[in-house]
Every structure is written in structure tokens, then in C-alpha cells.
């Protein structure tokens, strides 16, 4: 299975988290959504997103759901 590796920085890109691997889905599963949760809070996010296998993958959209604390 192919995975999306996600690292994030909460300080504008000075330091990054350890990579989290999220499943991208099986080959041909075009309707699979990658969902990551529990990243925490910050103001100056920087994302580093990569794919573990040599396949073509397009980032079509990204969204954030913000909930009041």
C-alpha cells in the first residue's frame, strides 16, 4: 500500500515534526480520501507532504475544519 508522509511545522518552518504515514489507498482506488486528525494548534503552519512510492499523485484539494474550544 502507498502512504502519504506528512510532516508539519508550527513555527513557520524552523523545526518539523516526525513524519506521520497516512494510507493513500490501493492502486485504482480513485475515491479514497486521506484524513489526518489530531495535529494540534498553531498559527504559522508549514506542511511537508510526500508519497512513499514512485506513483503519480495529485493534491486536488485541502481543507481545515476549525472548532471552537
N, C-alpha and C. Protein backbone atom coordinates (compact mmCIF):
# COMPACT_ATOMS: atom_id res chain seq x y z
N UNK A 1 0.85 -1.18 0.00
CA UNK A 1 0.00 0.00 0.00
C UNK A 1 0.89 1.24 0.00
N UNK A 2 0.45 2.24 -0.70
CA UNK A 2 1.17 3.51 -0.77
C UNK A 2 0.69 4.42 0.35
N UNK A 3 1.62 5.18 0.91
CA UNK A 3 1.30 6.09 2.01
C UNK A 3 1.68 7.52 1.68
N UNK A 4 0.97 8.44 2.29
CA UNK A 4 1.32 9.86 2.26
C UNK A 4 2.09 10.14 3.54
N UNK A 5 3.29 10.70 3.42
CA UNK A 5 4.06 11.06 4.59
C UNK A 5 3.86 12.55 4.85
N UNK A 6 3.43 12.87 6.05
CA UNK A 6 3.12 14.25 6.41
C UNK A 6 4.00 14.67 7.58
N UNK A 7 4.72 15.76 7.37
CA UNK A 7 5.44 16.42 8.46
C UNK A 7 4.90 17.84 8.54
N UNK A 8 4.91 18.41 9.71
CA UNK A 8 4.40 19.76 9.86
C UNK A 8 5.28 20.57 10.80
N UNK A 9 5.25 21.86 10.58
CA UNK A 9 5.97 22.79 11.43
C UNK A 9 4.96 23.77 11.99
N UNK A 10 5.06 24.04 13.27
CA UNK A 10 4.17 25.01 13.91
C UNK A 10 4.86 26.34 14.17
N UNK A 11 6.11 26.46 13.72
CA UNK A 11 6.87 27.68 13.96
C UNK A 11 7.38 28.33 12.66
N UNK A 12 6.61 28.15 11.60
CA UNK A 12 6.96 28.79 10.33
C UNK A 12 8.01 28.06 9.52
N UNK A 13 8.35 26.83 9.86
CA UNK A 13 9.30 26.05 9.08
C UNK A 13 10.68 25.91 9.69
N UNK A 14 10.88 26.37 10.91
CA UNK A 14 12.19 26.24 11.56
C UNK A 14 12.45 24.81 12.03
N UNK A 15 11.44 24.17 12.58
CA UNK A 15 11.55 22.77 13.01
C UNK A 15 10.33 22.01 12.51
N UNK A 16 10.50 20.71 12.27
CA UNK A 16 9.41 19.87 11.77
C UNK A 16 9.17 18.69 12.70
N UNK A 17 7.94 18.19 12.68
CA UNK A 17 7.56 17.02 13.45
C UNK A 17 8.15 15.77 12.81
N UNK A 18 8.03 14.65 13.52
CA UNK A 18 8.32 13.36 12.91
C UNK A 18 7.25 13.09 11.86
N UNK A 19 7.57 12.29 10.87
CA UNK A 19 6.63 12.00 9.79
C UNK A 19 5.50 11.09 10.27
N UNK A 20 4.30 11.41 9.84
CA UNK A 20 3.13 10.55 10.07
C UNK A 20 2.76 9.95 8.72
N UNK A 21 2.50 8.66 8.68
CA UNK A 21 2.13 7.99 7.44
C UNK A 21 0.63 7.75 7.43
N UNK A 22 -0.02 8.27 6.40
CA UNK A 22 -1.46 8.11 6.23
C UNK A 22 -1.69 7.29 4.96
N UNK A 23 -2.54 6.27 5.00
CA UNK A 23 -2.73 5.41 3.82
C UNK A 23 -3.37 6.16 2.65
N UNK A 24 -2.77 6.02 1.48
CA UNK A 24 -3.26 6.68 0.27
C UNK A 24 -4.31 5.84 -0.43
N UNK A 25 -4.40 4.54 -0.13
CA UNK A 25 -5.37 3.67 -0.78
C UNK A 25 -4.69 2.74 -1.76
N UNK A 26 -5.43 1.79 -2.23
CA UNK A 26 -4.92 0.82 -3.19
C UNK A 26 -4.85 1.43 -4.60
N UNK A 27 -4.07 0.82 -5.45
CA UNK A 27 -3.95 1.26 -6.83
C UNK A 27 -5.31 1.18 -7.51
N UNK A 28 -5.76 2.27 -8.12
CA UNK A 28 -7.05 2.32 -8.79
C UNK A 28 -8.20 2.79 -7.91
N UNK A 29 -7.94 2.99 -6.62
CA UNK A 29 -8.98 3.46 -5.69
C UNK A 29 -8.99 4.99 -5.73
N UNK A 30 -9.64 5.54 -6.75
CA UNK A 30 -9.59 6.98 -7.01
C UNK A 30 -10.48 7.79 -6.08
N UNK A 31 -11.36 7.18 -5.35
CA UNK A 31 -12.28 7.90 -4.47
C UNK A 31 -11.81 7.91 -3.02
N UNK A 32 -10.64 7.34 -2.74
CA UNK A 32 -10.13 7.28 -1.37
C UNK A 32 -9.72 8.68 -0.88
N UNK A 33 -10.16 9.05 0.31
CA UNK A 33 -9.76 10.32 0.92
C UNK A 33 -8.73 10.05 2.00
N UNK A 34 -7.71 10.88 2.04
CA UNK A 34 -6.72 10.80 3.10
C UNK A 34 -7.14 11.80 4.18
N UNK A 35 -7.31 11.30 5.40
CA UNK A 35 -7.77 12.16 6.50
C UNK A 35 -6.75 12.06 7.64
N UNK A 36 -6.26 13.21 8.07
CA UNK A 36 -5.37 13.26 9.22
C UNK A 36 -6.02 14.06 10.33
N UNK A 37 -5.93 13.57 11.54
CA UNK A 37 -6.54 14.25 12.68
C UNK A 37 -5.51 14.42 13.79
N UNK A 38 -5.89 15.26 14.75
CA UNK A 38 -5.12 15.47 15.98
C UNK A 38 -3.73 16.02 15.71
N UNK A 39 -3.66 17.09 14.93
CA UNK A 39 -2.38 17.75 14.68
C UNK A 39 -2.08 18.85 15.70
N UNK A 40 -3.08 19.27 16.45
CA UNK A 40 -2.84 20.30 17.45
C UNK A 40 -3.17 21.69 16.93
N UNK A 41 -2.66 22.70 17.62
CA UNK A 41 -2.94 24.08 17.25
C UNK A 41 -1.65 24.86 17.02
N UNK A 42 -1.72 25.83 16.13
CA UNK A 42 -0.60 26.72 15.86
C UNK A 42 -1.11 27.85 14.96
N UNK A 43 -0.28 28.85 14.75
CA UNK A 43 -0.65 29.97 13.88
C UNK A 43 0.12 29.97 12.56
N UNK A 44 1.35 29.51 12.56
CA UNK A 44 2.21 29.60 11.37
C UNK A 44 2.58 28.20 10.88
N UNK A 45 1.58 27.51 10.34
CA UNK A 45 1.78 26.13 9.88
C UNK A 45 2.58 26.10 8.58
N UNK A 46 3.46 25.10 8.45
CA UNK A 46 4.12 24.76 7.19
C UNK A 46 4.02 23.25 7.06
N UNK A 47 3.58 22.77 5.90
CA UNK A 47 3.36 21.35 5.68
C UNK A 47 4.40 20.81 4.71
N UNK A 48 4.89 19.60 4.97
CA UNK A 48 5.78 18.87 4.07
C UNK A 48 5.08 17.55 3.76
N UNK A 49 4.62 17.39 2.53
CA UNK A 49 3.83 16.22 2.14
C UNK A 49 4.57 15.48 1.03
N UNK A 50 4.76 14.17 1.21
CA UNK A 50 5.42 13.36 0.19
C UNK A 50 4.72 12.00 0.08
N UNK A 51 5.01 11.29 -1.00
CA UNK A 51 4.42 9.97 -1.27
C UNK A 51 5.53 8.92 -1.13
N UNK A 52 5.23 7.77 -0.51
CA UNK A 52 6.26 6.77 -0.23
C UNK A 52 6.68 5.98 -1.46
N UNK A 53 5.83 5.83 -2.46
CA UNK A 53 6.15 5.02 -3.64
C UNK A 53 6.25 5.92 -4.88
N UNK A 54 6.95 5.46 -5.92
CA UNK A 54 7.08 6.25 -7.15
C UNK A 54 5.81 6.17 -8.01
N UNK A 55 4.73 6.77 -7.55
CA UNK A 55 3.47 6.81 -8.29
C UNK A 55 3.09 8.26 -8.52
N UNK A 56 2.23 8.48 -9.49
CA UNK A 56 1.73 9.83 -9.75
C UNK A 56 0.57 10.10 -8.80
N UNK A 57 0.67 11.18 -8.05
CA UNK A 57 -0.40 11.56 -7.13
C UNK A 57 -0.55 13.08 -7.18
N UNK A 58 -1.79 13.53 -7.28
CA UNK A 58 -2.06 14.96 -7.34
C UNK A 58 -2.81 15.39 -6.09
N UNK A 59 -2.40 16.50 -5.52
CA UNK A 59 -3.13 17.10 -4.41
C UNK A 59 -4.21 17.98 -5.03
N UNK A 60 -5.45 17.52 -4.95
CA UNK A 60 -6.56 18.20 -5.60
C UNK A 60 -7.14 19.29 -4.71
N UNK A 61 -7.27 19.01 -3.43
CA UNK A 61 -7.85 19.99 -2.51
C UNK A 61 -7.36 19.70 -1.10
N UNK A 62 -7.41 20.72 -0.29
CA UNK A 62 -7.10 20.57 1.13
C UNK A 62 -8.07 21.45 1.89
N UNK A 63 -8.51 20.98 3.03
CA UNK A 63 -9.42 21.78 3.83
C UNK A 63 -9.10 21.63 5.30
N UNK A 64 -9.53 22.61 6.07
CA UNK A 64 -9.31 22.62 7.50
C UNK A 64 -10.64 22.86 8.18
N UNK A 65 -10.93 22.05 9.19
CA UNK A 65 -12.13 22.26 9.98
C UNK A 65 -11.70 22.79 11.34
N UNK A 66 -12.19 23.98 11.66
CA UNK A 66 -11.81 24.65 12.91
C UNK A 66 -13.00 24.59 13.86
N UNK A 67 -12.74 24.14 15.08
CA UNK A 67 -13.78 24.05 16.08
C UNK A 67 -13.44 24.96 17.25
N UNK A 68 -14.44 25.62 17.79
CA UNK A 68 -14.23 26.48 18.95
C UNK A 68 -13.87 25.63 20.16
N UNK A 69 -12.98 26.16 20.97
CA UNK A 69 -12.55 25.43 22.17
C UNK A 69 -13.35 25.87 23.36
